[in-house]
């Protein structure tokens, strides 16, 4: 039988992240598993060539990471109380960072949200969840946001 001992829970700290955390917590308590909660801040390195000094970008990213670390600390305390969990703020492209951390940590499953974008939004913004699902070496549980009125 497949065991779940380590779960990577990827959140974007949006309102939907609460539902994602509920599923990760349910799996963790059911399987007595550890949860690694990650948030990925953008690196903004793609903007270095736009006549913006690199030190300005680095300072801005540093401020994002500092704010995200505090937000993650609060989020994990609220949504993973009583669960063996750690939190990490990663910097880079979300799908790539999630996949790298999952591999490095040897997790058994990834739990993450999906925004359920369609049409032009999907073309413009892409799908982090889709990239993770297509490239992960372990199962990925994606949680869609609830649609009101359905």
C-alpha atoms as a PDB file:
ATOM      1  CA  UNK A   1       0.000   0.000   0.000  1.00  0.00           C
ATOM      2  CA  UNK A   2       1.191   3.500  -0.831  1.00  0.00           C
ATOM      3  CA  UNK A   3       2.204   5.558   2.183  1.00  0.00           C
ATOM      4  CA  UNK A   4       1.924   9.297   2.547  1.00  0.00           C
ATOM      5  CA  UNK A   5       4.550  10.504   4.994  1.00  0.00           C
ATOM      6  CA  UNK A   6       5.491  13.869   3.464  1.00  0.00           C
ATOM      7  CA  UNK A   7       3.153  16.348   1.801  1.00  0.00           C
ATOM      8  CA  UNK A   8       4.154  19.489  -0.033  1.00  0.00           C
ATOM      9  CA  UNK A   9       1.364  22.052   0.183  1.00  0.00           C
ATOM     10  CA  UNK A  10       1.837  24.929  -2.261  1.00  0.00           C
ATOM     11  CA  UNK A  11      -0.131  28.075  -1.447  1.00  0.00           C
ATOM     12  CA  UNK A  12      -0.381  31.545  -2.946  1.00  0.00           C
ATOM     13  CA  UNK A  13      -1.778  33.084   0.266  1.00  0.00           C
ATOM     14  CA  UNK A  14      -5.037  33.977  -1.475  1.00  0.00           C
ATOM     15  CA  UNK A  15      -8.440  33.295   0.056  1.00  0.00           C
ATOM     16  CA  UNK A  16      -8.455  29.958  -1.804  1.00  0.00           C
ATOM     17  CA  UNK A  17      -5.322  28.845   0.060  1.00  0.00           C
ATOM     18  CA  UNK A  18      -7.489  28.102   3.104  1.00  0.00           C
ATOM     19  CA  UNK A  19      -9.291  25.313   1.199  1.00  0.00           C
ATOM     20  CA  UNK A  20      -5.961  23.953  -0.036  1.00  0.00           C
ATOM     21  CA  UNK A  21      -4.677  23.918   3.558  1.00  0.00           C
ATOM     22  CA  UNK A  22      -7.803  22.031   4.699  1.00  0.00           C
ATOM     23  CA  UNK A  23      -7.099  19.192   2.268  1.00  0.00           C
ATOM     24  CA  UNK A  24      -3.405  19.065   3.176  1.00  0.00           C
ATOM     25  CA  UNK A  25      -4.298  19.021   6.884  1.00  0.00           C
ATOM     26  CA  UNK A  26      -6.848  16.245   6.327  1.00  0.00           C
ATOM     27  CA  UNK A  27      -4.263  14.119   4.516  1.00  0.00           C
ATOM     28  CA  UNK A  28      -1.613  14.871   7.139  1.00  0.00           C
ATOM     29  CA  UNK A  29      -3.805  13.945  10.099  1.00  0.00           C
ATOM     30  CA  UNK A  30      -5.185  10.842   8.371  1.00  0.00           C
ATOM     31  CA  UNK A  31      -1.725   9.566   7.436  1.00  0.00           C
ATOM     32  CA  UNK A  32       0.281  11.090  10.311  1.00  0.00           C
ATOM     33  CA  UNK A  33       2.346  12.887   7.691  1.00  0.00           C
ATOM     34  CA  UNK A  34       4.561  15.957   7.773  1.00  0.00           C
ATOM     35  CA  UNK A  35       3.517  18.996   5.706  1.00  0.00           C
ATOM     36  CA  UNK A  36       5.960  21.292   3.971  1.00  0.00           C
ATOM     37  CA  UNK A  37       4.065  24.494   3.139  1.00  0.00           C
ATOM     38  CA  UNK A  38       5.591  26.622   0.381  1.00  0.00           C
ATOM     39  CA  UNK A  39       4.882  29.999  -1.151  1.00  0.00           C
ATOM     40  CA  UNK A  40       6.840  31.170  -4.201  1.00  0.00           C
ATOM     41  CA  UNK A  41       7.646  34.849  -4.594  1.00  0.00           C
ATOM     42  CA  UNK A  42       8.516  36.012  -8.121  1.00  0.00           C
ATOM     43  CA  UNK A  43      12.222  36.618  -8.717  1.00  0.00           C
ATOM     44  CA  UNK A  44      11.563  39.574 -11.058  1.00  0.00           C
ATOM     45  CA  UNK A  45      14.876  38.730 -12.768  1.00  0.00           C
ATOM     46  CA  UNK A  46      13.133  39.063 -16.131  1.00  0.00           C
ATOM     47  CA  UNK A  47      12.943  42.826 -15.508  1.00  0.00           C
ATOM     48  CA  UNK A  48      16.690  43.403 -15.103  1.00  0.00           C
ATOM     49  CA  UNK A  49      17.044  44.493 -18.742  1.00  0.00           C
ATOM     50  CA  UNK A  50      14.371  47.209 -18.447  1.00  0.00           C
ATOM     51  CA  UNK A  51      16.710  49.963 -17.205  1.00  0.00           C
ATOM     52  CA  UNK A  52      15.858  49.210 -13.604  1.00  0.00           C
ATOM     53  CA  UNK A  53      18.963  48.896 -11.426  1.00  0.00           C
ATOM     54  CA  UNK A  54      19.455  45.282 -10.272  1.00  0.00           C
ATOM     55  CA  UNK A  55      19.907  46.411  -6.652  1.00  0.00           C
ATOM     56  CA  UNK A  56      16.438  48.040  -6.764  1.00  0.00           C
ATOM     57  CA  UNK A  57      14.910  44.772  -7.975  1.00  0.00           C
ATOM     58  CA  UNK A  58      16.822  42.802  -5.334  1.00  0.00           C
ATOM     59  CA  UNK A  59      15.583  45.168  -2.603  1.00  0.00           C
ATOM     60  CA  UNK A  60      12.010  44.869  -3.847  1.00  0.00           C
ATOM     61  CA  UNK A  61      12.204  41.056  -3.938  1.00  0.00           C
ATOM     62  CA  UNK A  62      13.744  41.141  -0.457  1.00  0.00           C
ATOM     63  CA  UNK A  63      10.769  43.132   0.823  1.00  0.00           C
ATOM     64  CA  UNK A  64       8.343  40.698  -0.827  1.00  0.00           C
ATOM     65  CA  UNK A  65      10.110  37.741   0.779  1.00  0.00           C
ATOM     66  CA  UNK A  66      10.168  39.382   4.213  1.00  0.00           C
ATOM     67  CA  UNK A  67       6.437  40.121   4.005  1.00  0.00           C
ATOM     68  CA  UNK A  68       5.710  36.639   2.674  1.00  0.00           C
ATOM     69  CA  UNK A  69       7.658  34.998   5.500  1.00  0.00           C
ATOM     70  CA  UNK A  70       5.519  36.811   8.086  1.00  0.00           C
ATOM     71  CA  UNK A  71       2.315  35.991   6.177  1.00  0.00           C
ATOM     72  CA  UNK A  72       3.377  32.328   5.903  1.00  0.00           C
ATOM     73  CA  UNK A  73       4.162  32.175   9.614  1.00  0.00           C
ATOM     74  CA  UNK A  74       0.661  33.437  10.426  1.00  0.00           C
ATOM     75  CA  UNK A  75      -0.996  31.233   7.789  1.00  0.00           C
ATOM     76  CA  UNK A  76       0.707  28.054   9.000  1.00  0.00           C
ATOM     77  CA  UNK A  77      -0.035  28.840  12.655  1.00  0.00           C
ATOM     78  CA  UNK A  78      -3.711  29.304  11.820  1.00  0.00           C
ATOM     79  CA  UNK A  79      -4.272  26.486   9.324  1.00  0.00           C
ATOM     80  CA  UNK A  80      -1.784  23.787  10.365  1.00  0.00           C
ATOM     81  CA  UNK A  81      -2.147  23.868  14.155  1.00  0.00           C
ATOM     82  CA  UNK A  82      -1.473  20.417  15.579  1.00  0.00           C
ATOM     83  CA  UNK A  83       0.155  19.205  12.351  1.00  0.00           C
ATOM     84  CA  UNK A  84       3.881  18.542  11.948  1.00  0.00           C
ATOM     85  CA  UNK A  85       4.614  21.332   9.471  1.00  0.00           C
ATOM     86  CA  UNK A  86       7.287  23.704   8.242  1.00  0.00           C
ATOM     87  CA  UNK A  87       6.991  26.699   5.942  1.00  0.00           C
ATOM     88  CA  UNK A  88       9.288  28.038   3.263  1.00  0.00           C
ATOM     89  CA  UNK A  89       9.225  31.088   1.032  1.00  0.00           C
ATOM     90  CA  UNK A  90      10.851  30.267  -2.290  1.00  0.00           C
ATOM     91  CA  UNK A  91      11.907  32.740  -4.977  1.00  0.00           C
ATOM     92  CA  UNK A  92      11.582  32.072  -8.693  1.00  0.00           C
ATOM     93  CA  UNK A  93       9.090  30.611 -11.130  1.00  0.00           C
ATOM     94  CA  UNK A  94       6.377  28.938  -9.058  1.00  0.00           C
ATOM     95  CA  UNK A  95       6.027  25.643 -10.947  1.00  0.00           C
ATOM     96  CA  UNK A  96       9.767  25.131 -11.149  1.00  0.00           C
ATOM     97  CA  UNK A  97      10.340  25.955  -7.478  1.00  0.00           C
ATOM     98  CA  UNK A  98       7.473  23.703  -6.333  1.00  0.00           C
ATOM     99  CA  UNK A  99       8.779  20.779  -8.397  1.00  0.00           C
ATOM    100  CA  UNK A 100      12.363  21.285  -7.206  1.00  0.00           C
ATOM    101  CA  UNK A 101      11.350  21.465  -3.546  1.00  0.00           C
ATOM    102  CA  UNK A 102       9.078  18.408  -3.878  1.00  0.00           C
ATOM    103  CA  UNK A 103      11.933  16.428  -5.404  1.00  0.00           C
ATOM    104  CA  UNK A 104      14.541  17.670  -2.908  1.00  0.00           C
ATOM    105  CA  UNK A 105      12.288  16.883   0.070  1.00  0.00           C
ATOM    106  CA  UNK A 106      11.216  13.490  -1.299  1.00  0.00           C
ATOM    107  CA  UNK A 107       7.514  14.217  -0.795  1.00  0.00           C
ATOM    108  CA  UNK A 108       4.862  11.607  -1.474  1.00  0.00           C
ATOM    109  CA  UNK A 109       2.178  14.004  -2.767  1.00  0.00           C
ATOM    110  CA  UNK A 110       1.747  17.656  -3.707  1.00  0.00           C
ATOM    111  CA  UNK A 111      -1.425  19.512  -2.706  1.00  0.00           C
ATOM    112  CA  UNK A 112      -2.077  22.820  -4.439  1.00  0.00           C
ATOM    113  CA  UNK A 113      -4.805  25.071  -5.701  1.00  0.00           C
ATOM    114  CA  UNK A 114      -5.791  25.878  -9.221  1.00  0.00           C
ATOM    115  CA  UNK A 115      -7.538  29.032 -10.307  1.00  0.00           C
ATOM    116  CA  UNK A 116      -9.470  27.239 -13.030  1.00  0.00           C
ATOM    117  CA  UNK A 117      -8.663  29.907 -15.609  1.00  0.00           C
ATOM    118  CA  UNK A 118     -10.007  29.395 -19.104  1.00  0.00           C
ATOM    119  CA  UNK A 119      -9.649  30.962 -22.498  1.00  0.00           C
ATOM    120  CA  UNK A 120      -7.520  34.063 -22.848  1.00  0.00           C
ATOM    121  CA  UNK A 121      -6.700  34.226 -19.112  1.00  0.00           C
ATOM    122  CA  UNK A 122      -5.142  30.767 -19.323  1.00  0.00           C
ATOM    123  CA  UNK A 123      -3.179  31.704 -22.435  1.00  0.00           C
ATOM    124  CA  UNK A 124      -1.901  34.928 -20.853  1.00  0.00           C
ATOM    125  CA  UNK A 125      -1.207  33.682 -17.328  1.00  0.00           C
ATOM    126  CA  UNK A 126      -0.526  29.982 -17.909  1.00  0.00           C
ATOM    127  CA  UNK A 127      -1.187  27.450 -15.251  1.00  0.00           C
ATOM    128  CA  UNK A 128       1.259  26.698 -12.468  1.00  0.00           C
ATOM    129  CA  UNK A 129      -0.891  23.728 -11.449  1.00  0.00           C
ATOM    130  CA  UNK A 130      -0.894  22.334 -14.994  1.00  0.00           C
ATOM    131  CA  UNK A 131       2.909  22.560 -15.206  1.00  0.00           C
ATOM    132  CA  UNK A 132       3.282  20.859 -11.836  1.00  0.00           C
ATOM    133  CA  UNK A 133       0.836  18.069 -12.722  1.00  0.00           C
ATOM    134  CA  UNK A 134       2.565  17.416 -16.052  1.00  0.00           C
ATOM    135  CA  UNK A 135       6.077  17.331 -14.597  1.00  0.00           C
ATOM    136  CA  UNK A 136       5.754  15.938 -11.068  1.00  0.00           C
ATOM    137  CA  UNK A 137       7.196  12.553 -10.228  1.00  0.00           C
ATOM    138  CA  UNK A 138       4.527  12.024  -7.568  1.00  0.00           C
ATOM    139  CA  UNK A 139       0.737  12.448  -7.379  1.00  0.00           C
ATOM    140  CA  UNK A 140      -0.646  15.988  -7.344  1.00  0.00           C
ATOM    141  CA  UNK A 141      -3.978  16.831  -5.730  1.00  0.00           C
ATOM    142  CA  UNK A 142      -5.359  20.066  -7.172  1.00  0.00           C
ATOM    143  CA  UNK A 143      -8.127  21.954  -5.389  1.00  0.00           C
ATOM    144  CA  UNK A 144     -10.351  24.161  -7.529  1.00  0.00           C
ATOM    145  CA  UNK A 145     -11.966  27.212  -5.993  1.00  0.00           C
ATOM    146  CA  UNK A 146     -15.621  26.902  -5.110  1.00  0.00           C
ATOM    147  CA  UNK A 147     -17.887  28.550  -7.632  1.00  0.00           C
ATOM    148  CA  UNK A 148     -20.774  30.367  -6.036  1.00  0.00           C
ATOM    149  CA  UNK A 149     -24.216  29.518  -7.313  1.00  0.00           C
ATOM    150  CA  UNK A 150     -23.249  26.093  -8.641  1.00  0.00           C
END
